[in-house]
């Protein structure tokens, strides 16, 4: 649906990738849109419990070796924890998601020419 203007989340997604996919449904046609996530300390525990339960049931029924199931479950739990961490950020959610995929931004040193100009004109 290209004309979605509002996406509202009332539960945590199972992974940051899922969350981004779901948020991305708003405004696919390039028009202004909003994605809202309701999040409170009391609901986080319930969301995490629900997601972990669903992950355990999914892994139980997977047609893989027991060792692989253990790794799958560990990966799913890690993804759930990552979403919780992104949601707890006190900074910009967009920045938190960007840093999840790209890592934290590294402050770049100004170029030599900019440093020389700063030095020359700051001396008065």
PDB file of N, CA and C in Angstrom:
ATOM      1  N   UNK A   1       0.840  -1.186   0.000  1.00  0.00           N
ATOM      2  CA  UNK A   1       0.000   0.000   0.000  1.00  0.00           C
ATOM      3  C   UNK A   1       0.880   1.243   0.000  1.00  0.00           C
ATOM      4  N   UNK A   2       0.849   2.014  -1.036  1.00  0.00           N
ATOM      5  CA  UNK A   2       1.719   3.188  -1.115  1.00  0.00           C
ATOM      6  C   UNK A   2       1.201   4.390  -0.341  1.00  0.00           C
ATOM      7  N   UNK A   3      -0.062   4.413   0.068  1.00  0.00           N
ATOM      8  CA  UNK A   3      -0.620   5.616   0.683  1.00  0.00           C
ATOM      9  C   UNK A   3      -0.762   5.529   2.200  1.00  0.00           C
ATOM     10  N   UNK A   4       0.115   4.787   2.866  1.00  0.00           N
ATOM     11  CA  UNK A   4       0.075   4.686   4.327  1.00  0.00           C
ATOM     12  C   UNK A   4       0.716   5.945   4.916  1.00  0.00           C
ATOM     13  N   UNK A   5       0.006   6.630   5.783  1.00  0.00           N
ATOM     14  CA  UNK A   5       0.497   7.873   6.379  1.00  0.00           C
ATOM     15  C   UNK A   5       0.890   7.709   7.843  1.00  0.00           C
ATOM     16  N   UNK A   6       0.354   6.684   8.500  1.00  0.00           N
ATOM     17  CA  UNK A   6       0.596   6.527   9.930  1.00  0.00           C
ATOM     18  C   UNK A   6       0.787   5.051  10.254  1.00  0.00           C
ATOM     19  N   UNK A   7       1.894   4.749  10.925  1.00  0.00           N
ATOM     20  CA  UNK A   7       2.149   3.402  11.431  1.00  0.00           C
ATOM     21  C   UNK A   7       2.290   3.532  12.937  1.00  0.00           C
ATOM     22  N   UNK A   8       1.507   2.740  13.678  1.00  0.00           N
ATOM     23  CA  UNK A   8       1.554   2.780  15.135  1.00  0.00           C
ATOM     24  C   UNK A   8       1.966   1.404  15.639  1.00  0.00           C
ATOM     25  N   UNK A   9       2.991   1.388  16.466  1.00  0.00           N
ATOM     26  CA  UNK A   9       3.456   0.151  17.102  1.00  0.00           C
ATOM     27  C   UNK A   9       3.049   0.192  18.559  1.00  0.00           C
ATOM     28  N   UNK A  10       2.447  -0.866  19.017  1.00  0.00           N
ATOM     29  CA  UNK A  10       2.111  -0.957  20.431  1.00  0.00           C
ATOM     30  C   UNK A  10       2.863  -2.099  21.093  1.00  0.00           C
ATOM     31  N   UNK A  11       3.652  -2.830  20.301  1.00  0.00           N
ATOM     32  CA  UNK A  11       4.509  -3.879  20.839  1.00  0.00           C
ATOM     33  C   UNK A  11       5.872  -3.816  20.160  1.00  0.00           C
ATOM     34  N   UNK A  12       6.865  -4.305  20.856  1.00  0.00           N
ATOM     35  CA  UNK A  12       8.226  -4.344  20.331  1.00  0.00           C
ATOM     36  C   UNK A  12       8.324  -5.363  19.201  1.00  0.00           C
ATOM     37  N   UNK A  13       9.107  -5.048  18.197  1.00  0.00           N
ATOM     38  CA  UNK A  13       9.382  -5.982  17.107  1.00  0.00           C
ATOM     39  C   UNK A  13      10.414  -7.010  17.556  1.00  0.00           C
ATOM     40  N   UNK A  14      10.542  -8.080  16.782  1.00  0.00           N
ATOM     41  CA  UNK A  14      11.463  -9.163  17.141  1.00  0.00           C
ATOM     42  C   UNK A  14      12.909  -8.852  16.792  1.00  0.00           C
ATOM     43  N   UNK A  15      13.137  -7.889  15.891  1.00  0.00           N
ATOM     44  CA  UNK A  15      14.507  -7.497  15.530  1.00  0.00           C
ATOM     45  C   UNK A  15      14.490  -6.060  15.043  1.00  0.00           C
ATOM     46  N   UNK A  16      15.652  -5.432  15.038  1.00  0.00           N
ATOM     47  CA  UNK A  16      15.758  -4.062  14.539  1.00  0.00           C
ATOM     48  C   UNK A  16      15.396  -4.028  13.054  1.00  0.00           C
ATOM     49  N   UNK A  17      15.789  -5.060  12.326  1.00  0.00           N
ATOM     50  CA  UNK A  17      15.449  -5.130  10.899  1.00  0.00           C
ATOM     51  C   UNK A  17      13.935  -5.174  10.698  1.00  0.00           C
ATOM     52  N   UNK A  18      13.244  -5.967  11.515  1.00  0.00           N
ATOM     53  CA  UNK A  18      11.780  -6.027  11.426  1.00  0.00           C
ATOM     54  C   UNK A  18      11.159  -4.678  11.762  1.00  0.00           C
ATOM     55  N   UNK A  19      11.677  -4.043  12.793  1.00  0.00           N
ATOM     56  CA  UNK A  19      11.157  -2.749  13.214  1.00  0.00           C
ATOM     57  C   UNK A  19      11.299  -1.725  12.095  1.00  0.00           C
ATOM     58  N   UNK A  20      12.452  -1.693  11.476  1.00  0.00           N
ATOM     59  CA  UNK A  20      12.690  -0.746  10.385  1.00  0.00           C
ATOM     60  C   UNK A  20      11.771  -1.045   9.201  1.00  0.00           C
ATOM     61  N   UNK A  21      11.594  -2.312   8.884  1.00  0.00           N
ATOM     62  CA  UNK A  21      10.690  -2.711   7.798  1.00  0.00           C
ATOM     63  C   UNK A  21       9.267  -2.240   8.083  1.00  0.00           C
ATOM     64  N   UNK A  22       8.830  -2.411   9.320  1.00  0.00           N
ATOM     65  CA  UNK A  22       7.473  -2.023   9.685  1.00  0.00           C
ATOM     66  C   UNK A  22       7.308  -0.506   9.681  1.00  0.00           C
ATOM     67  N   UNK A  23       8.289   0.227  10.194  1.00  0.00           N
ATOM     68  CA  UNK A  23       8.240   1.689  10.146  1.00  0.00           C
ATOM     69  C   UNK A  23       8.236   2.174   8.701  1.00  0.00           C
ATOM     70  N   UNK A  24       8.987   1.476   7.855  1.00  0.00           N
ATOM     71  CA  UNK A  24       9.132   1.890   6.465  1.00  0.00           C
ATOM     72  C   UNK A  24       7.872   1.783   5.642  1.00  0.00           C
ATOM     73  N   UNK A  25       6.845   1.192   6.192  1.00  0.00           N
ATOM     74  CA  UNK A  25       5.577   1.097   5.454  1.00  0.00           C
ATOM     75  C   UNK A  25       4.920   2.463   5.308  1.00  0.00           C
ATOM     76  N   UNK A  26       5.235   3.372   6.221  1.00  0.00           N
ATOM     77  CA  UNK A  26       4.659   4.718   6.156  1.00  0.00           C
ATOM     78  C   UNK A  26       5.432   5.553   5.142  1.00  0.00           C
ATOM     79  N   UNK A  27       4.728   6.152   4.231  1.00  0.00           N
ATOM     80  CA  UNK A  27       5.333   7.103   3.301  1.00  0.00           C
ATOM     81  C   UNK A  27       6.134   6.505   2.171  1.00  0.00           C
ATOM     82  N   UNK A  28       5.810   5.311   1.745  1.00  0.00           N
ATOM     83  CA  UNK A  28       6.550   4.705   0.637  1.00  0.00           C
ATOM     84  C   UNK A  28       6.390   5.477  -0.664  1.00  0.00           C
ATOM     85  N   UNK A  29       5.358   6.294  -0.723  1.00  0.00           N
ATOM     86  CA  UNK A  29       5.145   7.098  -1.927  1.00  0.00           C
ATOM     87  C   UNK A  29       5.854   8.442  -1.852  1.00  0.00           C
ATOM     88  N   UNK A  30       6.643   8.645  -0.779  1.00  0.00           N
ATOM     89  CA  UNK A  30       7.437   9.869  -0.658  1.00  0.00           C
ATOM     90  C   UNK A  30       6.698  11.022  -0.001  1.00  0.00           C
ATOM     91  N   UNK A  31       5.458  10.840   0.353  1.00  0.00           N
ATOM     92  CA  UNK A  31       4.695  11.915   0.996  1.00  0.00           C
ATOM     93  C   UNK A  31       4.911  11.860   2.507  1.00  0.00           C
ATOM     94  N   UNK A  32       4.706  12.998   3.194  1.00  0.00           N
ATOM     95  CA  UNK A  32       4.926  13.035   4.646  1.00  0.00           C
ATOM     96  C   UNK A  32       4.115  11.969   5.380  1.00  0.00           C
ATOM     97  N   UNK A  33       4.778  11.282   6.290  1.00  0.00           N
ATOM     98  CA  UNK A  33       4.153  10.210   7.056  1.00  0.00           C
ATOM     99  C   UNK A  33       4.788  10.140   8.434  1.00  0.00           C
ATOM    100  N   UNK A  34       4.143   9.402   9.324  1.00  0.00           N
ATOM    101  CA  UNK A  34       4.633   9.303  10.694  1.00  0.00           C
ATOM    102  C   UNK A  34       4.584   7.848  11.141  1.00  0.00           C
ATOM    103  N   UNK A  35       5.618   7.437  11.867  1.00  0.00           N
ATOM    104  CA  UNK A  35       5.636   6.133  12.522  1.00  0.00           C
ATOM    105  C   UNK A  35       5.796   6.397  14.016  1.00  0.00           C
ATOM    106  N   UNK A  36       4.926   5.809  14.820  1.00  0.00           N
ATOM    107  CA  UNK A  36       4.906   6.042  16.262  1.00  0.00           C
ATOM    108  C   UNK A  36       5.092   4.712  16.978  1.00  0.00           C
ATOM    109  N   UNK A  37       5.894   4.724  18.038  1.00  0.00           N
ATOM    110  CA  UNK A  37       6.033   3.530  18.851  1.00  0.00           C
ATOM    111  C   UNK A  37       5.678   3.886  20.282  1.00  0.00           C
ATOM    112  N   UNK A  38       4.672   3.200  20.821  1.00  0.00           N
ATOM    113  CA  UNK A  38       4.336   3.352  22.219  1.00  0.00           C
ATOM    114  C   UNK A  38       5.228   2.408  23.009  1.00  0.00           C
ATOM    115  N   UNK A  39       5.884   2.965  24.022  1.00  0.00           N
ATOM    116  CA  UNK A  39       6.885   2.191  24.753  1.00  0.00           C
ATOM    117  C   UNK A  39       6.920   2.690  26.185  1.00  0.00           C
ATOM    118  N   UNK A  40       6.797   1.767  27.109  1.00  0.00           N
ATOM    119  CA  UNK A  40       6.926   2.155  28.513  1.00  0.00           C
ATOM    120  C   UNK A  40       7.673   1.051  29.245  1.00  0.00           C
ATOM    121  N   UNK A  41       8.223   1.386  30.360  1.00  0.00           N
ATOM    122  CA  UNK A  41       8.995   0.425  31.130  1.00  0.00           C
ATOM    123  C   UNK A  41       8.213  -0.822  31.499  1.00  0.00           C
ATOM    124  N   UNK A  42       6.933  -0.662  31.797  1.00  0.00           N
ATOM    125  CA  UNK A  42       6.136  -1.818  32.209  1.00  0.00           C
ATOM    126  C   UNK A  42       5.816  -2.750  31.046  1.00  0.00           C
ATOM    127  N   UNK A  43       5.686  -2.215  29.844  1.00  0.00           N
ATOM    128  CA  UNK A  43       5.346  -3.078  28.701  1.00  0.00           C
ATOM    129  C   UNK A  43       6.561  -3.800  28.140  1.00  0.00           C
ATOM    130  N   UNK A  44       7.754  -3.291  28.398  1.00  0.00           N
ATOM    131  CA  UNK A  44       8.965  -3.892  27.842  1.00  0.00           C
ATOM    132  C   UNK A  44       9.118  -5.335  28.304  1.00  0.00           C
ATOM    133  N   UNK A  45       8.941  -5.589  29.579  1.00  0.00           N
ATOM    134  CA  UNK A  45       9.076  -6.947  30.103  1.00  0.00           C
ATOM    135  C   UNK A  45       8.093  -7.911  29.464  1.00  0.00           C
ATOM    136  N   UNK A  46       6.844  -7.461  29.298  1.00  0.00           N
ATOM    137  CA  UNK A  46       5.830  -8.311  28.655  1.00  0.00           C
ATOM    138  C   UNK A  46       6.186  -8.571  27.199  1.00  0.00           C
ATOM    139  N   UNK A  47       6.622  -7.536  26.492  1.00  0.00           N
ATOM    140  CA  UNK A  47       7.004  -7.704  25.081  1.00  0.00           C
ATOM    141  C   UNK A  47       8.155  -8.690  24.947  1.00  0.00           C
ATOM    142  N   UNK A  48       9.165  -8.528  25.795  1.00  0.00           N
ATOM    143  CA  UNK A  48      10.334  -9.407  25.721  1.00  0.00           C
ATOM    144  C   UNK A  48       9.937 -10.842  26.045  1.00  0.00           C
ATOM    145  N   UNK A  49       9.102 -11.020  27.059  1.00  0.00           N
ATOM    146  CA  UNK A  49       8.642 -12.373  27.413  1.00  0.00           C
ATOM    147  C   UNK A  49       7.871 -13.005  26.262  1.00  0.00           C
ATOM    148  N   UNK A  50       6.983 -12.237  25.659  1.00  0.00           N
ATOM    149  CA  UNK A  50       6.192 -12.745  24.528  1.00  0.00           C
ATOM    150  C   UNK A  50       7.093 -13.111  23.363  1.00  0.00           C
ATOM    151  N   UNK A  51       8.034 -12.245  23.030  1.00  0.00           N
ATOM    152  CA  UNK A  51       8.933 -12.501  21.903  1.00  0.00           C
ATOM    153  C   UNK A  51       9.840 -13.701  22.163  1.00  0.00           C
ATOM    154  N   UNK A  52      10.333 -13.823  23.376  1.00  0.00           N
ATOM    155  CA  UNK A  52      11.175 -14.981  23.718  1.00  0.00           C
ATOM    156  C   UNK A  52      10.371 -16.283  23.646  1.00  0.00           C
ATOM    157  N   UNK A  53       9.133 -16.242  24.131  1.00  0.00           N
ATOM    158  CA  UNK A  53       8.268 -17.420  24.058  1.00  0.00           C
ATOM    159  C   UNK A  53       8.055 -17.821  22.594  1.00  0.00           C
ATOM    160  N   UNK A  54       7.747 -16.848  21.744  1.00  0.00           N
ATOM    161  CA  UNK A  54       7.521 -17.138  20.327  1.00  0.00           C
ATOM    162  C   UNK A  54       8.795 -17.667  19.668  1.00  0.00           C
ATOM    163  N   UNK A  55       9.939 -17.101  20.038  1.00  0.00           N
ATOM    164  CA  UNK A  55      11.215 -17.574  19.484  1.00  0.00           C
ATOM    165  C   UNK A  55      11.462 -19.019  19.896  1.00  0.00           C
ATOM    166  N   UNK A  56      11.204 -19.333  21.152  1.00  0.00           N
ATOM    167  CA  UNK A  56      11.406 -20.704  21.641  1.00  0.00           C
ATOM    168  C   UNK A  56      10.508 -21.690  20.902  1.00  0.00           C
ATOM    169  N   UNK A  57       9.246 -21.323  20.668  1.00  0.00           N
ATOM    170  CA  UNK A  57       8.323 -22.209  19.948  1.00  0.00           C
ATOM    171  C   UNK A  57       8.764 -22.384  18.497  1.00  0.00           C
ATOM    172  N   UNK A  58       9.236 -21.317  17.877  1.00  0.00           N
ATOM    173  CA  UNK A  58       9.700 -21.390  16.488  1.00  0.00           C
ATOM    174  C   UNK A  58      10.911 -22.299  16.386  1.00  0.00           C
ATOM    175  N   UNK A  59      11.855 -22.142  17.298  1.00  0.00           N
ATOM    176  CA  UNK A  59      13.078 -22.939  17.276  1.00  0.00           C
ATOM    177  C   UNK A  59      12.778 -24.407  17.592  1.00  0.00           C
ATOM    178  N   UNK A  60      11.845 -24.645  18.511  1.00  0.00           N
ATOM    179  CA  UNK A  60      11.464 -26.028  18.853  1.00  0.00           C
ATOM    180  C   UNK A  60      11.001 -26.808  17.627  1.00  0.00           C
ATOM    181  N   UNK A  61      10.261 -26.151  16.762  1.00  0.00           N
ATOM    182  CA  UNK A  61       9.687 -26.834  15.604  1.00  0.00           C
ATOM    183  C   UNK A  61      10.600 -26.808  14.377  1.00  0.00           C
ATOM    184  N   UNK A  62      11.719 -26.137  14.488  1.00  0.00           N
ATOM    185  CA  UNK A  62      12.652 -26.066  13.351  1.00  0.00           C
ATOM    186  C   UNK A  62      13.246 -27.448  13.069  1.00  0.00           C
ATOM    187  N   UNK A  63      13.397 -27.753  11.825  1.00  0.00           N
ATOM    188  CA  UNK A  63      13.947 -29.055  11.403  1.00  0.00           C
ATOM    189  C   UNK A  63      15.465 -28.963  11.294  1.00  0.00           C
ATOM    190  N   UNK A  64      16.117 -28.771  12.448  1.00  0.00           N
ATOM    191  CA  UNK A  64      17.578 -28.651  12.491  1.00  0.00           C
ATOM    192  C   UNK A  64      18.115 -29.451  13.675  1.00  0.00           C
ATOM    193  N   UNK A  65      19.399 -29.618  13.730  1.00  0.00           N
ATOM    194  CA  UNK A  65      20.048 -30.322  14.841  1.00  0.00           C
ATOM    195  C   UNK A  65      19.877 -29.542  16.141  1.00  0.00           C
ATOM    196  N   UNK A  66      19.974 -30.244  17.266  1.00  0.00           N
ATOM    197  CA  UNK A  66      19.816 -29.618  18.582  1.00  0.00           C
ATOM    198  C   UNK A  66      20.810 -28.485  18.789  1.00  0.00           C
ATOM    199  N   UNK A  67      22.054 -28.677  18.361  1.00  0.00           N
ATOM    200  CA  UNK A  67      23.075 -27.629  18.502  1.00  0.00           C
ATOM    201  C   UNK A  67      22.682 -26.388  17.706  1.00  0.00           C
ATOM    202  N   UNK A  68      22.159 -26.605  16.505  1.00  0.00           N
ATOM    203  CA  UNK A  68      21.720 -25.486  15.683  1.00  0.00           C
ATOM    204  C   UNK A  68      20.534 -24.762  16.323  1.00  0.00           C
ATOM    205  N   UNK A  69      19.646 -25.521  16.954  1.00  0.00           N
ATOM    206  CA  UNK A  69      18.505 -24.911  17.651  1.00  0.00           C
ATOM    207  C   UNK A  69      18.990 -23.976  18.756  1.00  0.00           C
ATOM    208  N   UNK A  70      19.994 -24.452  19.488  1.00  0.00           N
ATOM    209  CA  UNK A  70      20.549 -23.643  20.576  1.00  0.00           C
ATOM    210  C   UNK A  70      21.125 -22.330  20.035  1.00  0.00           C
ATOM    211  N   UNK A  71      21.845 -22.412  18.928  1.00  0.00           N
ATOM    212  CA  UNK A  71      22.419 -21.211  18.318  1.00  0.00           C
ATOM    213  C   UNK A  71      21.326 -20.297  17.774  1.00  0.00           C
ATOM    214  N   UNK A  72      20.300 -20.894  17.157  1.00  0.00           N
ATOM    215  CA  UNK A  72      19.184 -20.099  16.642  1.00  0.00           C
ATOM    216  C   UNK A  72      18.493 -19.338  17.762  1.00  0.00           C
ATOM    217  N   UNK A  73      18.241 -20.030  18.866  1.00  0.00           N
ATOM    218  CA  UNK A  73      17.561 -19.395  19.990  1.00  0.00           C
ATOM    219  C   UNK A  73      18.417 -18.280  20.583  1.00  0.00           C
ATOM    220  N   UNK A  74      19.697 -18.530  20.703  1.00  0.00           N
ATOM    221  CA  UNK A  74      20.613 -17.497  21.215  1.00  0.00           C
ATOM    222  C   UNK A  74      20.599 -16.267  20.304  1.00  0.00           C
ATOM    223  N   UNK A  75      20.595 -16.496  18.996  1.00  0.00           N
ATOM    224  CA  UNK A  75      20.557 -15.386  18.036  1.00  0.00           C
ATOM    225  C   UNK A  75      19.240 -14.611  18.148  1.00  0.00           C
ATOM    226  N   UNK A  76      18.138 -15.319  18.266  1.00  0.00           N
ATOM    227  CA  UNK A  76      16.824 -14.659  18.389  1.00  0.00           C
ATOM    228  C   UNK A  76      16.750 -13.829  19.670  1.00  0.00           C
ATOM    229  N   UNK A  77      17.241 -14.381  20.774  1.00  0.00           N
ATOM    230  CA  UNK A  77      17.245 -13.640  22.034  1.00  0.00           C
ATOM    231  C   UNK A  77      18.115 -12.390  21.918  1.00  0.00           C
ATOM    232  N   UNK A  78      19.239 -12.514  21.238  1.00  0.00           N
ATOM    233  CA  UNK A  78      20.130 -11.368  21.039  1.00  0.00           C
ATOM    234  C   UNK A  78      19.425 -10.279  20.220  1.00  0.00           C
ATOM    235  N   UNK A  79      18.710 -10.670  19.178  1.00  0.00           N
ATOM    236  CA  UNK A  79      17.982  -9.701  18.351  1.00  0.00           C
ATOM    237  C   UNK A  79      16.915  -8.976  19.173  1.00  0.00           C
ATOM    238  N   UNK A  80      16.215  -9.710  20.008  1.00  0.00           N
ATOM    239  CA  UNK A  80      15.188  -9.112  20.871  1.00  0.00           C
ATOM    240  C   UNK A  80      15.822  -8.093  21.809  1.00  0.00           C
ATOM    241  N   UNK A  81      16.961  -8.443  22.386  1.00  0.00           N
ATOM    242  CA  UNK A  81      17.676  -7.531  23.293  1.00  0.00           C
ATOM    243  C   UNK A  81      18.155  -6.284  22.558  1.00  0.00           C
ATOM    244  N   UNK A  82      18.577  -6.443  21.300  1.00  0.00           N
ATOM    245  CA  UNK A  82      19.039  -5.292  20.522  1.00  0.00           C
ATOM    246  C   UNK A  82      17.908  -4.289  20.287  1.00  0.00           C
ATOM    247  N   UNK A  83      16.712  -4.776  19.994  1.00  0.00           N
ATOM    248  CA  UNK A  83      15.570  -3.880  19.797  1.00  0.00           C
ATOM    249  C   UNK A  83      15.285  -3.127  21.090  1.00  0.00           C
ATOM    250  N   UNK A  84      15.311  -3.836  22.208  1.00  0.00           N
ATOM    251  CA  UNK A  84      15.072  -3.187  23.501  1.00  0.00           C
ATOM    252  C   UNK A  84      16.096  -2.089  23.752  1.00  0.00           C
ATOM    253  N   UNK A  85      17.330  -2.366  23.405  1.00  0.00           N
ATOM    254  CA  UNK A  85      18.390  -1.374  23.598  1.00  0.00           C
ATOM    255  C   UNK A  85      18.150  -0.144  22.726  1.00  0.00           C
ATOM    256  N   UNK A  86      17.783  -0.341  21.480  1.00  0.00           N
ATOM    257  CA  UNK A  86      17.512   0.783  20.577  1.00  0.00           C
ATOM    258  C   UNK A  86      16.322   1.588  21.104  1.00  0.00           C
ATOM    259  N   UNK A  87      15.301   0.898  21.594  1.00  0.00           N
ATOM    260  CA  UNK A  87      14.107   1.589  22.083  1.00  0.00           C
ATOM    261  C   UNK A  87      14.369   2.372  23.366  1.00  0.00           C
ATOM    262  N   UNK A  88      15.350   1.954  24.153  1.00  0.00           N
ATOM    263  CA  UNK A  88      15.657   2.654  25.407  1.00  0.00           C
ATOM    264  C   UNK A  88      16.530   3.882  25.192  1.00  0.00           C
ATOM    265  N   UNK A  89      16.958   4.129  23.983  1.00  0.00           N
ATOM    266  CA  UNK A  89      17.847   5.254  23.751  1.00  0.00           C
ATOM    267  C   UNK A  89      17.180   6.565  24.159  1.00  0.00           C
ATOM    268  N   UNK A  90      17.964   7.443  24.717  1.00  0.00           N
ATOM    269  CA  UNK A  90      17.449   8.753  25.104  1.00  0.00           C
ATOM    270  C   UNK A  90      17.740   9.788  24.021  1.00  0.00           C
ATOM    271  N   UNK A  91      18.450   9.354  23.002  1.00  0.00           N
ATOM    272  CA  UNK A  91      18.755  10.256  21.898  1.00  0.00           C
ATOM    273  C   UNK A  91      17.779   9.994  20.755  1.00  0.00           C
ATOM    274  N   UNK A  92      18.093  10.457  19.615  1.00  0.00           N
ATOM    275  CA  UNK A  92      17.254  10.326  18.430  1.00  0.00           C
ATOM    276  C   UNK A  92      17.150   8.854  18.005  1.00  0.00           C
ATOM    277  N   UNK A  93      15.932   8.374  17.785  1.00  0.00           N
ATOM    278  CA  UNK A  93      15.714   6.985  17.372  1.00  0.00           C
ATOM    279  C   UNK A  93      16.364   6.730  16.014  1.00  0.00           C
ATOM    280  N   UNK A  94      16.293   7.695  15.128  1.00  0.00           N
ATOM    281  CA  UNK A  94      16.902   7.543  13.798  1.00  0.00           C
ATOM    282  C   UNK A  94      18.412   7.341  13.922  1.00  0.00           C
ATOM    283  N   UNK A  95      19.041   8.097  14.814  1.00  0.00           N
ATOM    284  CA  UNK A  95      20.473   7.950  15.046  1.00  0.00           C
ATOM    285  C   UNK A  95      20.788   6.571  15.622  1.00  0.00           C
ATOM    286  N   UNK A  96      19.973   6.122  16.570  1.00  0.00           N
ATOM    287  CA  UNK A  96      20.195   4.810  17.191  1.00  0.00           C
ATOM    288  C   UNK A  96      20.097   3.689  16.155  1.00  0.00           C
ATOM    289  N   UNK A  97      19.116   3.772  15.265  1.00  0.00           N
ATOM    290  CA  UNK A  97      18.962   2.746  14.229  1.00  0.00           C
ATOM    291  C   UNK A  97      20.104   2.823  13.231  1.00  0.00           C
ATOM    292  N   UNK A  98      20.483   4.032  12.853  1.00  0.00           N
ATOM    293  CA  UNK A  98      21.611   4.212  11.936  1.00  0.00           C
ATOM    294  C   UNK A  98      22.889   3.639  12.530  1.00  0.00           C
ATOM    295  N   UNK A  99      23.129   3.889  13.811  1.00  0.00           N
ATOM    296  CA  UNK A  99      24.326   3.364  14.471  1.00  0.00           C
ATOM    297  C   UNK A  99      24.265   1.849  14.604  1.00  0.00           C
ATOM    298  N   UNK A 100      23.073   1.293  14.719  1.00  0.00           N
ATOM    299  CA  UNK A 100      22.933  -0.165  14.775  1.00  0.00           C
ATOM    300  C   UNK A 100      23.476  -0.793  13.490  1.00  0.00           C
ATOM    301  N   UNK A 101      23.142  -0.193  12.354  1.00  0.00           N
ATOM    302  CA  UNK A 101      23.569  -0.746  11.074  1.00  0.00           C
ATOM    303  C   UNK A 101      24.984  -0.330  10.678  1.00  0.00           C
ATOM    304  N   UNK A 102      25.368   0.905  11.002  1.00  0.00           N
ATOM    305  CA  UNK A 102      26.646   1.439  10.520  1.00  0.00           C
ATOM    306  C   UNK A 102      27.702   1.597  11.599  1.00  0.00           C
ATOM    307  N   UNK A 103      27.341   1.439  12.853  1.00  0.00           N
ATOM    308  CA  UNK A 103      28.272   1.692  13.939  1.00  0.00           C
ATOM    309  C   UNK A 103      28.233   3.165  14.309  1.00  0.00           C
ATOM    310  N   UNK A 104      28.793   3.521  15.459  1.00  0.00           N
ATOM    311  CA  UNK A 104      28.761   4.928  15.873  1.00  0.00           C
ATOM    312  C   UNK A 104      29.567   5.809  14.929  1.00  0.00           C
ATOM    313  N   UNK A 105      29.055   7.021  14.761  1.00  0.00           N
ATOM    314  CA  UNK A 105      29.768   7.962  13.898  1.00  0.00           C
ATOM    315  C   UNK A 105      31.051   8.404  14.581  1.00  0.00           C
ATOM    316  N   UNK A 106      32.094   8.465  13.798  1.00  0.00           N
ATOM    317  CA  UNK A 106      33.392   8.888  14.303  1.00  0.00           C
ATOM    318  C   UNK A 106      33.578  10.349  13.916  1.00  0.00           C
ATOM    319  N   UNK A 107      33.886  11.153  14.916  1.00  0.00           N
ATOM    320  CA  UNK A 107      34.125  12.568  14.636  1.00  0.00           C
ATOM    321  C   UNK A 107      35.390  12.692  13.796  1.00  0.00           C
ATOM    322  N   UNK A 108      35.261  13.311  12.668  1.00  0.00           N
ATOM    323  CA  UNK A 108      36.418  13.481  11.784  1.00  0.00           C
ATOM    324  C   UNK A 108      37.182  14.737  12.150  1.00  0.00           C
ATOM    325  N   UNK A 109      38.483  14.641  12.041  1.00  0.00           N
ATOM    326  CA  UNK A 109      39.322  15.824  12.265  1.00  0.00           C
ATOM    327  C   UNK A 109      39.130  16.772  11.093  1.00  0.00           C
ATOM    328  N   UNK A 110      39.110  18.056  11.376  1.00  0.00           N
ATOM    329  CA  UNK A 110      39.035  19.014  10.269  1.00  0.00           C
ATOM    330  C   UNK A 110      40.274  18.869   9.378  1.00  0.00           C
ATOM    331  N   UNK A 111      40.095  19.162   8.119  1.00  0.00           N
ATOM    332  CA  UNK A 111      41.222  19.071   7.188  1.00  0.00           C
ATOM    333  C   UNK A 111      42.309  20.062   7.595  1.00  0.00           C
ATOM    334  N   UNK A 112      43.496  19.860   7.077  1.00  0.00           N
ATOM    335  CA  UNK A 112      44.632  20.737   7.390  1.00  0.00           C
ATOM    336  C   UNK A 112      44.324  22.177   6.995  1.00  0.00           C
ATOM    337  N   UNK A 113      43.708  22.368   5.839  1.00  0.00           N
ATOM    338  CA  UNK A 113      43.419  23.734   5.391  1.00  0.00           C
ATOM    339  C   UNK A 113      42.453  24.434   6.349  1.00  0.00           C
ATOM    340  N   UNK A 114      41.458  23.720   6.850  1.00  0.00           N
ATOM    341  CA  UNK A 114      40.512  24.314   7.795  1.00  0.00           C
ATOM    342  C   UNK A 114      41.220  24.629   9.104  1.00  0.00           C
ATOM    343  N   UNK A 115      42.100  23.762   9.568  1.00  0.00           N
ATOM    344  CA  UNK A 115      42.830  24.029  10.807  1.00  0.00           C
ATOM    345  C   UNK A 115      43.748  25.233  10.659  1.00  0.00           C
ATOM    346  N   UNK A 116      44.401  25.370   9.496  1.00  0.00           N
ATOM    347  CA  UNK A 116      45.281  26.517   9.261  1.00  0.00           C
ATOM    348  C   UNK A 116      44.464  27.806   9.264  1.00  0.00           C
ATOM    349  N   UNK A 117      43.306  27.784   8.579  1.00  0.00           N
ATOM    350  CA  UNK A 117      42.457  28.990   8.544  1.00  0.00           C
ATOM    351  C   UNK A 117      41.953  29.333   9.948  1.00  0.00           C
ATOM    352  N   UNK A 118      41.528  28.321  10.726  1.00  0.00           N
ATOM    353  CA  UNK A 118      41.100  28.563  12.103  1.00  0.00           C
ATOM    354  C   UNK A 118      42.231  29.194  12.911  1.00  0.00           C
ATOM    355  N   UNK A 119      43.426  28.645  12.783  1.00  0.00           N
ATOM    356  CA  UNK A 119      44.586  29.160  13.512  1.00  0.00           C
ATOM    357  C   UNK A 119      44.893  30.602  13.098  1.00  0.00           C
ATOM    358  N   UNK A 120      44.883  30.860  11.774  1.00  0.00           N
ATOM    359  CA  UNK A 120      45.247  32.195  11.256  1.00  0.00           C
ATOM    360  C   UNK A 120      44.244  33.253  11.691  1.00  0.00           C
ATOM    361  N   UNK A 121      42.965  32.939  11.658  1.00  0.00           N
ATOM    362  CA  UNK A 121      41.955  33.949  11.955  1.00  0.00           C
ATOM    363  C   UNK A 121      41.551  34.003  13.428  1.00  0.00           C
ATOM    364  N   UNK A 122      41.936  33.027  14.205  1.00  0.00           N
ATOM    365  CA  UNK A 122      41.600  33.063  15.617  1.00  0.00           C
ATOM    366  C   UNK A 122      42.617  33.861  16.420  1.00  0.00           C
ATOM    367  N   UNK A 123      43.744  34.170  15.830  1.00  0.00           N
ATOM    368  CA  UNK A 123      44.790  34.912  16.535  1.00  0.00           C
ATOM    369  C   UNK A 123      44.512  36.414  16.557  1.00  0.00           C
ATOM    370  N   UNK A 124      43.557  36.868  15.783  1.00  0.00           N
ATOM    371  CA  UNK A 124      43.137  38.253  15.816  1.00  0.00           C
ATOM    372  C   UNK A 124      44.099  39.153  15.238  1.00  0.00           C
TER     373      UNK A 124
END
